[in-house]
Amino acid sequence: MSQTTAAAVQPQAPATPGAYHYILTLQASLGSGFQVFTTEGTHTPAVGWTRADFYKAIRDGIVRQHPELARANTIFFDLQPNRL
């Protein structure tokens, strides 16, 4: 008689904050038209960061590189854990 042994299922470790994926789109009125700027990427925030802190850090980084977007309107922002 053969005997089958079920493998023990190991519980997964609790999820850590880990990396987040973001997309931010800004629109600015420049002269006679508009400029739309979209950025995306991943970032692991410092412990204690809020969604607002994350947004501000991304936006401030864009404005440092593109000062003309300092008064731009946010038309899209998404922040999700970077996992499937």
Protein backbone atom coordinates (compact mmCIF):
# COMPACT_ATOMS: atom_id res chain seq x y z
CA MET A 1 0.00 0.00 0.00
CA SER A 2 1.42 3.41 -0.93
CA GLN A 3 1.17 6.31 1.38
CA THR A 4 0.89 9.95 0.31
CA THR A 5 2.09 12.67 2.61
CA ALA A 6 0.79 16.19 2.16
CA ALA A 7 3.48 18.82 2.25
CA ALA A 8 3.04 21.32 5.03
CA VAL A 9 1.90 24.67 3.76
CA GLN A 10 4.11 27.41 5.09
CA PRO A 11 2.36 30.69 5.83
CA GLN A 12 3.78 33.63 3.94
CA ALA A 13 5.58 36.30 5.88
CA PRO A 14 3.56 39.47 6.38
CA ALA A 15 3.94 41.94 3.55
CA THR A 16 6.42 44.72 4.14
CA PRO A 17 5.76 48.25 2.89
CA GLY A 18 8.05 47.57 -0.07
CA ALA A 19 8.08 49.47 -3.32
CA TYR A 20 5.13 51.35 -4.72
CA HIS A 21 4.39 52.19 -8.33
CA TYR A 22 3.19 55.71 -9.11
CA ILE A 23 1.86 57.68 -12.06
CA LEU A 24 1.50 61.46 -11.91
CA THR A 25 0.23 63.68 -14.73
CA LEU A 26 0.41 67.47 -14.55
CA GLN A 27 -0.97 70.09 -16.93
CA ALA A 28 0.30 73.65 -17.14
CA SER A 29 -0.84 76.66 -19.12
CA LEU A 30 2.19 77.98 -20.95
CA GLY A 31 1.75 80.96 -23.23
CA SER A 32 -0.93 80.20 -25.78
CA GLY A 33 -1.19 76.47 -25.04
CA PHE A 34 -0.91 73.72 -22.51
CA GLN A 35 1.87 71.38 -21.55
CA VAL A 36 1.01 67.93 -20.20
CA PHE A 37 3.71 66.04 -18.33
CA THR A 38 3.41 62.44 -17.10
CA THR A 39 5.92 60.56 -14.99
CA GLU A 40 5.84 57.06 -13.57
CA GLY A 41 8.14 54.85 -11.59
CA THR A 42 8.64 52.95 -8.37
CA HIS A 43 9.84 54.13 -5.00
CA THR A 44 10.13 52.67 -1.51
CA PRO A 45 9.00 55.34 0.95
CA ALA A 46 10.54 56.06 4.32
CA VAL A 47 8.81 54.55 7.34
CA GLY A 48 5.83 56.66 8.34
CA TRP A 49 5.23 58.27 4.96
CA THR A 50 1.65 58.98 4.00
CA ARG A 51 0.08 59.03 0.55
CA ALA A 52 0.27 62.84 0.72
CA ASP A 53 4.01 62.72 1.54
CA PHE A 54 4.58 60.44 -1.45
CA TYR A 55 2.63 62.76 -3.78
CA LYS A 56 4.48 65.85 -2.54
CA ALA A 57 7.89 64.18 -2.98
CA ILE A 58 7.09 63.15 -6.56
CA ARG A 59 5.68 66.56 -7.46
CA ASP A 60 8.58 68.44 -5.85
CA GLY A 61 11.04 66.28 -7.82
CA ILE A 62 9.29 67.12 -11.07
CA VAL A 63 9.27 70.86 -10.29
CA ARG A 64 13.01 70.79 -9.48
CA GLN A 65 13.65 69.37 -12.95
CA HIS A 66 10.95 71.42 -14.73
CA PRO A 67 10.38 74.73 -12.88
CA GLU A 68 7.78 75.77 -15.47
CA LEU A 69 5.47 73.15 -13.92
CA ALA A 70 5.47 74.75 -10.46
CA ARG A 71 1.91 76.04 -10.91
CA ALA A 72 0.65 73.06 -12.92
CA ASN A 73 -2.59 71.31 -12.08
CA THR A 74 -2.61 67.64 -11.20
CA ILE A 75 -4.89 65.81 -13.61
CA PHE A 76 -4.01 62.26 -12.55
CA PHE A 77 -2.28 60.59 -9.61
CA ASP A 78 -2.17 56.88 -8.80
CA LEU A 79 -0.17 55.05 -6.18
CA GLN A 80 -0.34 51.29 -5.73
CA PRO A 81 1.79 48.61 -4.08
CA ASN A 82 4.17 47.33 -6.75
CA ARG A 83 3.06 43.73 -6.78
CA LEU A 84 0.78 41.49 -8.80
